[in-house]
N, C-alpha and C. Protein backbone atom coordinates (compact mmCIF):
# COMPACT_ATOMS: atom_id res chain seq x y z
N MET A 1 -16.86 17.60 -1.66
CA MET A 1 -15.99 17.94 -1.96
C MET A 1 -15.38 15.87 -1.87
N ALA A 2 -14.78 15.44 -2.85
CA ALA A 2 -14.12 13.88 -2.75
C ALA A 2 -13.60 13.31 -3.63
N LEU A 3 -13.48 12.60 -2.84
CA LEU A 3 -12.83 11.08 -4.24
C LEU A 3 -13.86 9.64 -4.20
N PHE A 4 -14.35 10.15 -5.59
CA PHE A 4 -15.07 8.90 -5.76
C PHE A 4 -14.69 7.73 -6.25
N PHE A 5 -14.90 7.07 -6.38
CA PHE A 5 -13.86 5.53 -7.22
C PHE A 5 -14.93 5.22 -7.61
N THR A 6 -15.36 3.98 -7.69
CA THR A 6 -16.26 3.06 -8.45
C THR A 6 -15.90 1.63 -8.50
N ASN A 7 -16.69 0.86 -8.56
CA ASN A 7 -15.88 -0.54 -8.51
C ASN A 7 -16.22 -0.86 -10.07
N ALA A 8 -15.91 -2.80 -10.28
CA ALA A 8 -15.04 -3.00 -11.31
C ALA A 8 -15.02 -4.30 -11.88
N TRP A 9 -14.73 -4.84 -13.23
CA TRP A 9 -15.61 -6.25 -13.85
C TRP A 9 -13.84 -6.94 -14.35
N ASN A 10 -13.84 -7.92 -14.46
CA ASN A 10 -12.55 -8.40 -14.35
C ASN A 10 -11.79 -9.08 -16.26
N THR A 11 -11.44 -9.55 -17.68
CA THR A 11 -11.82 -9.84 -18.42
C THR A 11 -10.77 -10.59 -19.14
N SER A 12 -10.47 -11.41 -19.05
CA SER A 12 -9.46 -12.05 -20.07
C SER A 12 -9.57 -11.67 -21.45
N LEU A 13 -8.51 -12.22 -21.92
CA LEU A 13 -8.38 -11.22 -23.44
C LEU A 13 -9.62 -12.33 -24.35
N ASP A 14 -9.68 -13.45 -23.72
CA ASP A 14 -11.02 -14.41 -24.53
C ASP A 14 -12.51 -13.79 -23.94
N GLY A 15 -12.29 -13.11 -23.67
CA GLY A 15 -13.21 -11.99 -23.73
C GLY A 15 -14.40 -12.56 -22.43
N ASN A 16 -14.46 -13.31 -21.64
CA ASN A 16 -14.60 -13.13 -20.85
C ASN A 16 -14.91 -12.79 -18.84
N LEU A 17 -16.33 -12.44 -18.62
CA LEU A 17 -16.45 -10.86 -17.88
C LEU A 17 -16.49 -11.97 -16.33
N SER A 18 -16.20 -11.46 -15.45
CA SER A 18 -16.22 -12.04 -13.77
C SER A 18 -15.91 -10.58 -13.64
N GLU A 19 -16.63 -10.26 -12.20
CA GLU A 19 -16.75 -9.46 -10.92
C GLU A 19 -15.74 -8.67 -9.91
N ARG A 20 -14.95 -8.53 -10.70
CA ARG A 20 -13.52 -8.00 -9.90
C ARG A 20 -14.26 -8.00 -8.33
N PHE A 21 -12.76 -7.94 -7.83
CA PHE A 21 -13.21 -8.13 -5.95
C PHE A 21 -13.54 -6.80 -5.37
N CYS A 22 -13.80 -6.13 -4.43
CA CYS A 22 -14.08 -4.59 -4.82
C CYS A 22 -15.11 -4.06 -3.32
N PRO A 23 -14.20 -5.36 -2.25
CA PRO A 23 -14.82 -5.13 -0.43
C PRO A 23 -16.15 -4.09 -0.60
N PRO A 24 -16.83 -3.83 -0.13
CA PRO A 24 -17.12 -2.92 0.56
C PRO A 24 -16.46 -1.76 1.85
N LEU A 25 -16.14 -0.25 1.79
CA LEU A 25 -15.17 0.14 2.22
C LEU A 25 -15.73 0.45 3.31
N SER A 26 -16.59 0.10 3.67
CA SER A 26 -17.01 0.35 5.27
C SER A 26 -16.62 0.23 6.13
N ALA A 27 -15.81 -1.39 5.44
CA ALA A 27 -15.77 -2.26 6.19
C ALA A 27 -14.26 -2.35 6.91
N TYR A 28 -13.49 -1.83 6.38
CA TYR A 28 -11.61 -1.55 6.38
C TYR A 28 -11.92 0.39 6.92
N ASN A 29 -10.14 0.01 7.35
CA ASN A 29 -9.53 1.24 7.35
C ASN A 29 -9.12 2.04 5.76
N ILE A 30 -9.18 3.28 5.82
CA ILE A 30 -9.58 3.81 4.54
C ILE A 30 -8.12 3.63 3.52
N PHE A 31 -7.14 3.52 4.50
CA PHE A 31 -5.46 3.31 4.15
C PHE A 31 -5.36 1.51 4.12
N HIS A 32 -5.57 1.05 4.59
CA HIS A 32 -4.95 -0.45 4.37
C HIS A 32 -6.01 -0.60 3.44
N TYR A 33 -7.70 -0.55 3.35
CA TYR A 33 -8.23 -0.53 2.19
C TYR A 33 -7.42 0.24 0.32
N ILE A 34 -7.38 1.35 0.44
CA ILE A 34 -5.50 1.84 -1.14
C ILE A 34 -4.68 0.61 -1.18
N VAL A 35 -4.16 0.68 -0.08
CA VAL A 35 -2.80 -0.04 -0.28
C VAL A 35 -4.11 -1.82 -0.81
N THR A 36 -4.25 -2.58 -0.49
CA THR A 36 -4.26 -3.86 -0.24
C THR A 36 -5.71 -3.71 -1.67
N PHE A 37 -6.82 -2.90 -1.56
CA PHE A 37 -6.78 -3.56 -3.31
C PHE A 37 -6.89 -1.42 -3.72
N THR A 38 -5.83 -1.31 -4.34
CA THR A 38 -6.19 -0.23 -4.54
C THR A 38 -6.84 0.18 -6.35
N PHE A 39 -7.57 1.27 -6.56
CA PHE A 39 -8.17 1.61 -7.01
C PHE A 39 -7.91 2.61 -8.42
N ASN A 40 -7.82 2.00 -9.60
CA ASN A 40 -6.74 2.58 -9.96
C ASN A 40 -7.95 3.99 -10.74
N PRO A 41 -6.75 5.60 -11.83
CA PRO A 41 -8.01 6.38 -12.11
C PRO A 41 -9.41 6.33 -13.06
N GLN A 42 -9.23 5.47 -13.82
CA GLN A 42 -10.33 5.16 -14.65
C GLN A 42 -11.75 4.71 -13.84
N ARG A 43 -11.08 4.24 -12.87
CA ARG A 43 -12.74 4.21 -11.45
C ARG A 43 -12.74 5.64 -10.63
N MET A 44 -11.76 6.31 -10.87
CA MET A 44 -11.96 7.72 -9.98
C MET A 44 -12.47 9.01 -10.29
N CYS A 45 -12.93 9.37 -9.74
CA CYS A 45 -13.84 10.81 -10.27
C CYS A 45 -13.37 11.92 -9.74
N ILE A 46 -13.05 12.51 -9.66
CA ILE A 46 -12.26 14.39 -8.19
C ILE A 46 -12.43 15.58 -8.36
N HIS A 47 -12.42 16.05 -7.17
CA HIS A 47 -13.30 17.02 -7.71
C HIS A 47 -12.61 18.13 -8.15
N ARG A 48 -12.67 18.05 -9.36
CA ARG A 48 -10.96 19.87 -9.65
C ARG A 48 -10.17 20.51 -8.86
N SER A 49 -10.91 21.06 -7.52
CA SER A 49 -10.06 21.62 -6.91
C SER A 49 -9.55 20.80 -5.23
N ILE A 50 -9.15 19.90 -5.69
CA ILE A 50 -9.06 18.81 -5.16
C ILE A 50 -7.67 18.19 -5.28
N LEU A 51 -7.65 18.36 -7.04
CA LEU A 51 -6.96 18.09 -7.92
C LEU A 51 -5.75 19.16 -8.33
N GLN A 52 -5.84 19.73 -8.24
CA GLN A 52 -5.44 22.00 -8.05
C GLN A 52 -3.68 21.51 -6.54
N GLU A 53 -4.80 20.51 -5.29
CA GLU A 53 -4.33 20.62 -4.08
C GLU A 53 -2.76 19.19 -4.28
N PHE A 54 -3.44 18.39 -5.24
CA PHE A 54 -2.42 17.02 -5.24
C PHE A 54 -2.59 16.48 -6.53
N LEU A 55 -1.37 16.42 -6.64
CA LEU A 55 -0.47 16.20 -8.05
C LEU A 55 0.09 14.63 -7.68
N PHE A 56 -0.72 14.47 -9.22
CA PHE A 56 0.45 13.02 -9.44
C PHE A 56 2.67 13.01 -8.75
N ASP A 57 2.58 12.71 -8.09
CA ASP A 57 4.30 12.62 -7.42
C ASP A 57 4.78 12.29 -8.83
N PRO A 58 6.06 12.57 -9.17
CA PRO A 58 6.70 12.81 -10.14
C PRO A 58 7.47 12.10 -10.02
N ASN A 59 8.11 11.36 -8.89
CA ASN A 59 8.92 10.53 -8.02
C ASN A 59 8.25 8.81 -7.82
N VAL A 60 7.16 9.22 -8.81
CA VAL A 60 6.42 7.58 -7.54
C VAL A 60 6.21 7.24 -9.42
N PHE A 61 6.41 5.95 -9.32
CA PHE A 61 6.71 5.50 -10.98
C PHE A 61 5.34 4.68 -11.43
N VAL A 62 5.58 3.95 -10.61
CA VAL A 62 5.15 2.57 -10.25
C VAL A 62 4.20 3.07 -9.21
N CYS A 63 2.56 2.75 -8.82
CA CYS A 63 0.84 2.20 -7.84
C CYS A 63 1.50 3.92 -7.38
N GLU A 64 1.26 4.93 -8.39
CA GLU A 64 1.07 5.95 -8.08
C GLU A 64 0.50 6.38 -8.25
N ASP A 65 -1.40 5.92 -8.40
CA ASP A 65 -2.26 6.25 -8.25
C ASP A 65 -2.97 5.44 -6.63
N LEU A 66 -2.11 4.01 -6.32
CA LEU A 66 -2.09 4.10 -4.34
C LEU A 66 -1.71 5.78 -4.08
N ASP A 67 -0.66 6.54 -4.76
CA ASP A 67 0.29 7.27 -3.62
C ASP A 67 -1.32 8.44 -3.84
N LEU A 68 -1.73 8.61 -4.86
CA LEU A 68 -2.62 9.45 -4.72
C LEU A 68 -3.33 9.56 -3.94
N SER A 69 -3.91 8.64 -4.29
CA SER A 69 -5.08 8.93 -3.55
C SER A 69 -4.96 8.29 -2.29
N ALA A 70 -3.77 7.56 -1.31
CA ALA A 70 -3.22 7.94 0.04
C ALA A 70 -3.86 9.57 0.83
N ARG A 71 -2.76 9.85 -0.10
CA ARG A 71 -2.41 11.83 -0.41
C ARG A 71 -4.24 12.37 -0.69
N ILE A 72 -5.14 11.97 -0.96
CA ILE A 72 -5.99 12.67 -0.81
C ILE A 72 -6.83 11.81 0.57
N ALA A 73 -6.26 10.82 0.34
CA ALA A 73 -7.74 10.33 2.11
C ALA A 73 -6.95 11.44 3.54
N THR A 74 -5.89 11.83 3.30
CA THR A 74 -5.48 12.63 4.10
C THR A 74 -6.59 13.56 4.50
N LYS A 75 -7.10 14.28 3.79
CA LYS A 75 -7.34 15.26 3.64
C LYS A 75 -9.49 15.67 3.45
N TYR A 76 -9.59 14.53 2.47
CA TYR A 76 -10.88 14.68 2.23
C TYR A 76 -11.68 12.88 1.92
N GLN A 77 -12.89 13.39 2.02
CA GLN A 77 -13.18 11.56 2.63
C GLN A 77 -13.30 11.18 0.65
N ILE A 78 -13.44 9.91 0.68
CA ILE A 78 -13.29 8.64 -0.36
C ILE A 78 -14.76 7.98 -0.19
N ILE A 79 -15.10 8.42 -0.52
CA ILE A 79 -16.58 7.51 -1.01
C ILE A 79 -16.45 5.74 -2.48
N GLN A 80 -16.81 4.97 -1.72
CA GLN A 80 -17.46 3.76 -2.89
C GLN A 80 -18.98 3.97 -3.65
N VAL A 81 -18.82 4.00 -4.95
CA VAL A 81 -20.09 4.60 -5.35
C VAL A 81 -19.93 2.46 -6.43
N PRO A 82 -21.06 1.86 -5.50
CA PRO A 82 -21.23 0.40 -6.01
C PRO A 82 -21.33 -0.04 -7.31
N GLU A 83 -21.86 0.70 -8.64
CA GLU A 83 -21.53 0.37 -9.42
C GLU A 83 -20.28 0.09 -10.09
N ARG A 84 -20.59 -0.94 -10.84
CA ARG A 84 -19.60 -1.35 -12.17
C ARG A 84 -19.51 -0.76 -13.15
N THR A 85 -18.46 0.33 -13.40
CA THR A 85 -17.96 1.46 -14.44
C THR A 85 -17.23 0.87 -15.31
N THR A 86 -16.19 -0.02 -14.49
CA THR A 86 -14.70 -0.20 -16.18
C THR A 86 -14.38 -2.03 -16.09
N VAL A 87 -13.76 -2.20 -17.00
CA VAL A 87 -13.34 -2.96 -16.80
C VAL A 87 -11.28 -3.56 -17.14
N TYR A 88 -11.33 -4.19 -16.78
CA TYR A 88 -9.85 -4.85 -16.38
C TYR A 88 -9.37 -6.26 -17.45
N VAL A 89 -8.82 -5.29 -17.93
CA VAL A 89 -7.96 -6.84 -19.27
C VAL A 89 -7.38 -7.00 -18.69
N HIS A 90 -6.90 -8.19 -18.55
CA HIS A 90 -5.94 -8.76 -18.28
C HIS A 90 -4.96 -9.36 -19.47
N HIS A 91 -3.61 -8.36 -20.15
CA HIS A 91 -2.73 -9.16 -21.12
C HIS A 91 -1.43 -9.05 -20.17
N PRO A 92 -1.20 -10.25 -21.38
CA PRO A 92 0.18 -10.60 -20.54
C PRO A 92 0.97 -9.66 -20.80
N ASP A 93 0.90 -8.70 -21.76
CA ASP A 93 2.77 -7.87 -21.83
C ASP A 93 2.50 -6.05 -21.43
N SER A 94 1.48 -6.68 -20.48
CA SER A 94 0.93 -5.28 -19.67
C SER A 94 1.66 -5.42 -18.43
N PHE A 95 2.51 -4.14 -17.78
CA PHE A 95 3.26 -3.80 -16.42
C PHE A 95 1.68 -5.04 -15.92
N THR A 96 1.45 -5.17 -15.94
CA THR A 96 1.20 -6.26 -14.34
C THR A 96 1.99 -7.55 -15.06
N GLY A 97 1.15 -7.62 -15.46
CA GLY A 97 1.54 -9.08 -16.75
C GLY A 97 3.04 -9.83 -17.25
N GLY A 98 3.04 -8.86 -18.24
CA GLY A 98 4.53 -8.50 -18.56
C GLY A 98 6.04 -8.23 -18.45
N ASP A 99 6.16 -7.67 -16.93
CA ASP A 99 7.09 -7.08 -17.18
C ASP A 99 7.45 -7.30 -16.11
N ARG A 100 8.69 -8.83 -15.44
CA ARG A 100 9.71 -9.54 -15.13
C ARG A 100 10.43 -8.70 -13.80
N LYS A 101 10.17 -7.67 -14.18
CA LYS A 101 11.61 -6.30 -12.92
C LYS A 101 10.26 -6.34 -12.31
N LYS A 102 8.71 -6.04 -12.94
CA LYS A 102 7.31 -5.25 -11.51
C LYS A 102 7.73 -5.78 -10.20
N PRO A 103 8.28 -6.66 -9.13
CA PRO A 103 8.74 -6.76 -8.06
C PRO A 103 9.30 -5.35 -6.91
N PHE A 104 10.25 -5.33 -8.13
CA PHE A 104 11.04 -4.61 -7.73
C PHE A 104 11.35 -3.35 -7.83
N LYS A 105 10.52 -3.20 -8.76
CA LYS A 105 10.36 -1.94 -9.00
C LYS A 105 8.68 -1.01 -8.21
N GLU A 106 7.45 -2.31 -7.88
CA GLU A 106 6.76 -2.21 -7.32
C GLU A 106 7.75 -1.96 -5.70
N LEU A 107 8.81 -3.16 -5.19
CA LEU A 107 9.53 -2.09 -3.35
C LEU A 107 10.05 -0.69 -3.64
N GLU A 108 11.32 -0.65 -4.59
CA GLU A 108 11.01 0.90 -4.72
C GLU A 108 9.87 1.14 -5.19
N ASN A 109 8.88 1.80 -5.07
CA ASN A 109 7.89 2.55 -4.98
C ASN A 109 6.96 2.66 -3.99
N TYR A 110 7.23 1.54 -3.39
CA TYR A 110 6.36 1.32 -1.99
C TYR A 110 7.17 1.68 -1.16
N ARG A 111 7.99 1.63 -1.17
CA ARG A 111 8.70 2.60 0.34
C ARG A 111 9.30 4.33 0.01
N ILE A 112 8.89 4.70 -1.31
CA ILE A 112 9.22 5.78 -1.63
C ILE A 112 7.89 6.26 -1.12
N ILE A 113 6.37 5.44 -1.44
CA ILE A 113 5.58 6.42 -0.45
C ILE A 113 5.07 5.75 1.55
N PHE A 114 5.25 5.11 1.43
CA PHE A 114 5.16 5.33 2.62
C PHE A 114 6.59 6.04 3.60
N ALA A 115 7.14 5.70 3.04
CA ALA A 115 8.25 7.15 3.85
C ALA A 115 7.56 8.67 3.61
N LYS A 116 6.82 8.60 3.65
CA LYS A 116 5.70 10.46 3.14
C LYS A 116 5.57 10.72 4.44
N PRO A 117 6.46 12.01 5.43
CA PRO A 117 5.84 12.09 5.90
C PRO A 117 4.09 11.81 5.72
N GLU A 118 3.68 12.70 5.22
CA GLU A 118 2.34 12.49 5.47
C GLU A 118 1.08 11.82 6.24
N LEU A 119 2.48 10.34 5.38
CA LEU A 119 1.54 8.93 5.28
C LEU A 119 2.08 8.48 6.48
N ARG A 120 2.70 7.81 6.44
CA ARG A 120 4.61 7.67 7.33
C ARG A 120 3.18 7.71 8.33
N ASN A 121 2.13 7.50 9.70
CA ASN A 121 1.93 7.65 10.42
C ASN A 121 -0.12 6.78 10.01
N LYS A 122 0.09 7.06 8.89
CA LYS A 122 -1.99 6.97 8.08
C LYS A 122 -1.99 5.50 8.51
N ILE A 123 -0.89 4.73 6.93
CA ILE A 123 -0.64 3.82 6.51
C ILE A 123 -0.96 2.30 7.77
N PRO A 124 -1.13 1.51 8.03
CA PRO A 124 -1.45 0.23 9.04
C PRO A 124 0.02 -0.24 8.55
N SER A 125 0.77 -0.88 9.39
CA SER A 125 1.78 -1.03 9.47
C SER A 125 1.45 -2.37 8.85
N LYS A 126 0.88 -2.93 9.36
CA LYS A 126 0.15 -3.93 8.41
C LYS A 126 0.52 -4.80 7.87
N SER A 127 -0.45 -3.37 7.29
CA SER A 127 -0.67 -3.11 5.55
C SER A 127 0.46 -3.21 5.22
N LYS A 128 1.06 -2.23 5.44
CA LYS A 128 2.75 -2.03 4.53
C LYS A 128 3.57 -2.90 4.83
N ARG A 129 3.31 -4.45 6.01
CA ARG A 129 3.92 -5.58 5.96
C ARG A 129 4.08 -6.30 4.96
N ARG A 130 2.67 -5.99 4.61
CA ARG A 130 2.25 -7.12 4.14
C ARG A 130 1.95 -7.37 2.68
N ILE A 131 1.87 -5.68 1.74
CA ILE A 131 2.31 -5.40 0.42
C ILE A 131 4.19 -5.12 0.42
N ILE A 132 4.23 -5.28 1.31
CA ILE A 132 6.17 -5.55 0.62
C ILE A 132 6.89 -7.09 1.51
N SER A 133 6.17 -7.30 2.32
CA SER A 133 6.29 -8.88 1.65
C SER A 133 6.15 -9.56 0.83
N MET A 134 4.44 -9.06 -0.63
CA MET A 134 4.85 -9.54 -1.36
C MET A 134 5.92 -9.73 -2.28
N CYS A 135 6.38 -7.80 -2.14
CA CYS A 135 7.12 -7.67 -3.16
C CYS A 135 8.16 -8.94 -3.40
N PHE A 136 8.98 -8.86 -2.01
CA PHE A 136 10.06 -10.29 -1.22
C PHE A 136 9.13 -11.46 -2.42
N PHE A 137 7.82 -11.67 -2.24
CA PHE A 137 7.88 -13.08 -2.80
C PHE A 137 8.31 -13.45 -3.90
N HIS A 138 7.44 -12.58 -4.76
CA HIS A 138 7.93 -12.40 -6.44
C HIS A 138 9.18 -11.79 -6.43
N ILE A 139 10.09 -11.46 -5.07
CA ILE A 139 11.62 -11.28 -6.46
C ILE A 139 12.02 -12.53 -5.60
N ALA A 140 11.34 -13.34 -4.65
CA ALA A 140 12.55 -14.53 -4.81
C ALA A 140 11.48 -15.59 -5.93
N ILE A 141 10.46 -15.18 -6.70
CA ILE A 141 9.33 -16.49 -8.02
C ILE A 141 11.02 -16.32 -8.60
N TYR A 142 11.64 -14.90 -9.09
CA TYR A 142 12.28 -14.22 -9.97
C TYR A 142 13.51 -14.68 -9.55
N CYS A 143 14.09 -14.71 -9.13
CA CYS A 143 15.06 -15.03 -8.09
C CYS A 143 15.55 -16.61 -8.97
N GLU A 144 14.82 -17.38 -8.18
CA GLU A 144 14.40 -18.96 -8.53
C GLU A 144 14.59 -19.42 -10.40
N ARG A 145 14.23 -18.28 -11.29
CA ARG A 145 13.85 -18.33 -12.27
C ARG A 145 14.94 -18.04 -12.91
N GLU A 146 15.57 -17.17 -12.04
CA GLU A 146 17.11 -16.33 -12.91
C GLU A 146 18.63 -17.10 -12.65
N ASN A 147 17.56 -18.61 -11.49
CA ASN A 147 19.07 -19.45 -10.89
C ASN A 147 20.04 -18.22 -10.29
N GLN A 148 19.63 -17.43 -9.11
CA GLN A 148 20.35 -16.32 -8.32
C GLN A 148 19.71 -16.97 -6.45
N THR A 149 20.31 -18.21 -6.87
CA THR A 149 19.37 -18.69 -5.10
C THR A 149 19.95 -18.56 -4.41
N LEU A 150 20.91 -17.76 -4.42
CA LEU A 150 21.41 -17.31 -2.69
C LEU A 150 20.06 -14.58 -2.60
N LEU A 151 20.26 -15.07 -3.27
CA LEU A 151 18.81 -13.82 -3.81
C LEU A 151 18.03 -14.53 -3.64
N MET A 152 17.35 -14.83 -3.67
CA MET A 152 16.32 -16.31 -3.17
C MET A 152 16.29 -17.21 -2.22
N TYR A 153 16.38 -16.82 -1.77
CA TYR A 153 16.75 -17.13 -0.05
C TYR A 153 16.54 -16.31 0.93
N ASN A 154 17.49 -15.02 -0.26
CA ASN A 154 17.27 -14.01 1.07
C ASN A 154 15.05 -13.18 0.84
N ALA A 155 15.56 -13.55 -0.37
CA ALA A 155 14.29 -13.11 0.21
C ALA A 155 12.61 -13.66 0.28
N ILE A 156 13.53 -14.51 0.94
CA ILE A 156 12.13 -15.60 0.50
C ILE A 156 12.46 -15.21 2.18
N LEU A 157 12.66 -15.13 2.59
CA LEU A 157 13.21 -15.41 4.60
C LEU A 157 12.46 -13.67 4.70
N LYS A 158 12.90 -12.62 3.71
CA LYS A 158 12.18 -11.72 4.61
C LYS A 158 10.96 -11.52 3.51
N SER A 159 10.00 -12.94 3.07
CA SER A 159 8.78 -12.53 3.12
C SER A 159 8.21 -13.03 4.06
N PHE A 160 8.89 -13.87 4.67
CA PHE A 160 8.27 -14.69 5.57
C PHE A 160 8.48 -13.89 7.55
N ILE A 161 9.82 -13.39 7.81
CA ILE A 161 9.17 -12.51 8.56
C ILE A 161 8.32 -11.55 8.21
N LEU A 162 8.32 -10.66 7.52
CA LEU A 162 7.37 -10.03 7.21
C LEU A 162 6.06 -9.89 7.26
N PHE A 163 5.97 -11.30 6.56
CA PHE A 163 4.23 -11.33 6.74
C PHE A 163 4.18 -12.94 7.11
N PRO A 164 4.73 -13.80 8.62
CA PRO A 164 5.03 -15.15 8.85
C PRO A 164 3.28 -15.79 7.72
N LYS A 165 2.27 -15.15 8.54
CA LYS A 165 1.32 -16.35 6.53
C LYS A 165 1.14 -16.07 5.36
N GLY A 166 1.96 -14.88 5.11
CA GLY A 166 1.67 -14.67 3.63
C GLY A 166 1.15 -13.58 2.69
N TYR A 167 1.59 -13.01 2.02
CA TYR A 167 0.43 -12.08 1.77
C TYR A 167 -0.99 -12.88 0.95
N ASN A 168 -1.18 -13.65 0.33
CA ASN A 168 -2.59 -15.05 0.75
C ASN A 168 -2.67 -15.83 0.71
N HIS A 169 -3.19 -16.18 0.61
CA HIS A 169 -3.76 -17.94 2.09
C HIS A 169 -1.87 -19.35 0.97
N LYS A 170 -2.47 -18.49 -0.06
CA LYS A 170 -1.20 -19.58 -1.26
C LYS A 170 1.14 -19.60 -0.84
N THR A 171 0.98 -18.50 -0.59
CA THR A 171 2.08 -18.35 -0.71
C THR A 171 3.25 -18.15 0.48
N ASN A 172 2.57 -19.04 1.78
CA ASN A 172 4.01 -19.82 2.15
C ASN A 172 4.39 -21.61 1.54
N LYS A 173 2.90 -22.04 0.99
CA LYS A 173 2.87 -23.02 0.01
C LYS A 173 4.48 -23.48 -0.24
N ILE A 174 4.28 -21.68 -1.49
CA ILE A 174 4.69 -21.92 -2.30
C ILE A 174 6.23 -21.65 -1.85
N ILE A 175 6.29 -20.73 -1.44
CA ILE A 175 7.35 -20.68 -0.42
C ILE A 175 8.43 -21.97 -0.39
N PHE A 176 7.57 -22.58 1.08
CA PHE A 176 8.22 -23.70 1.45
C PHE A 176 8.38 -24.61 0.17
N VAL A 177 7.71 -24.68 -0.52
CA VAL A 177 8.37 -26.17 -1.05
C VAL A 177 9.93 -25.75 -2.40
N MET A 178 9.65 -23.96 -2.38
CA MET A 178 11.08 -23.28 -4.01
C MET A 178 12.45 -23.88 -2.25
N PHE A 179 11.81 -22.96 -1.34
CA PHE A 179 12.73 -23.39 -0.51
C PHE A 179 13.35 -24.43 -0.46
N LEU A 180 12.46 -26.39 -0.30
CA LEU A 180 13.17 -27.52 -0.81
C LEU A 180 13.33 -28.54 -1.25
N TYR A 181 13.15 -27.40 -3.07
CA TYR A 181 13.23 -28.51 -3.47
C TYR A 181 14.84 -26.71 -3.98
N ASN A 182 15.83 -25.67 -4.07
CA ASN A 182 16.23 -25.70 -3.97
C ASN A 182 18.05 -26.37 -3.40
N LEU A 183 17.16 -26.89 -1.79
CA LEU A 183 18.16 -27.04 -1.13
C LEU A 183 18.78 -28.20 -2.52
N PRO A 184 20.13 -27.97 -1.77
CA PRO A 184 21.02 -29.72 -2.20
C PRO A 184 20.15 -30.85 -2.09
N ILE A 185 20.47 -31.01 -1.01
CA ILE A 185 19.99 -32.58 -1.09
C ILE A 185 18.38 -32.38 -1.78
N PHE A 186 17.54 -32.03 -0.85
CA PHE A 186 15.58 -31.77 -1.18
C PHE A 186 15.22 -32.13 -2.98
N GLY A 187 16.80 -30.69 -2.99
CA GLY A 187 16.53 -30.52 -4.67
C GLY A 187 16.50 -31.37 -5.97
N LYS A 188 17.80 -32.31 -5.49
CA LYS A 188 19.01 -33.33 -5.93
C LYS A 188 17.20 -34.51 -5.57
N LEU A 189 17.23 -34.40 -5.08
CA LEU A 189 15.57 -35.55 -4.45
C LEU A 189 15.26 -35.46 -5.18
N ILE A 190 14.21 -34.93 -5.33
CA ILE A 190 12.37 -33.87 -5.62
C ILE A 190 13.26 -34.20 -6.97
N LYS A 191 14.32 -33.29 -8.06
CA LYS A 191 14.48 -34.11 -9.51
C LYS A 191 14.38 -34.52 -9.64
N TYR A 192 15.34 -35.77 -8.87
CA TYR A 192 15.49 -36.66 -8.90
C TYR A 192 13.98 -38.62 -9.88
N LEU A 193 13.04 -37.47 -8.65
CA LEU A 193 11.97 -38.83 -8.51
C LEU A 193 10.74 -37.92 -9.15
N ARG A 194 11.45 -36.71 -9.98
CA ARG A 194 10.30 -36.08 -10.61
C ARG A 194 11.07 -37.07 -12.08
N HIS A 195 12.18 -36.79 -12.82
CA HIS A 195 12.31 -37.53 -13.94
C HIS A 195 12.59 -39.23 -14.56
N ARG A 196 11.93 -38.97 -12.96
CA ARG A 196 11.88 -41.30 -13.74
C ARG A 196 10.83 -41.22 -13.47
N LYS A 197 9.41 -40.32 -13.56
CA LYS A 197 7.86 -40.40 -13.64
C LYS A 197 7.60 -40.63 -15.51
C-alpha cells in the first residue's frame, strides 16, 4: 500500500512538448520534495484504503494536492514511477497563469498546511521558508503593478528575510531592481533614462 506518482511532460499552447523537471525522489527528503516538486492528482495512483483514511481537506482550496500527499507521506510510502504519463498544458487563463491573486491564496493555504500538527515537524523549516518567500516575491510583483508601493516594499522585505538567496536564482535580482526602481530618487532617474531612448 503506497502512493505512487509518475513523471510528466510540459506543453505550450502551440503544442511544443518538453520534459517537466521531475528529479529522483531518492535524492531528497520526501517532505521537501512534495513542497518543492508537488505532483498533482493526475500523476498519482493511491491505494483505495489510503484514500478512505486520508481525504482532501475542504479547508485547503489551493495546494490541496500538496496537502494530501504530505499527510499520506506521514504514514505510507511514496513511490516514484519514472515513466512520463501526463502532460501539463500551460494555459494563460488557468489558476497558475491567470489568477492575479494566486500568491495571496497560496500564502493563506501554505500557512494552513504548515500549521497542521501532523506536518508541523515533518516539513523542513528551510522548505517552508523558501515557499513562503516565493509567495511574498509574487505578492511584491502584484503590488508593484497595482502601484501599492508600501505593500510592495513590505513583501520584498519579507521575501528576502525568509530566504535571502531567493527561491530561485533570478528572484533576488528582480527584487533588487524593483526596490531601486520604486525609490523616489533612483526611480525618477531610471524612468528619465528610459524615456530618453
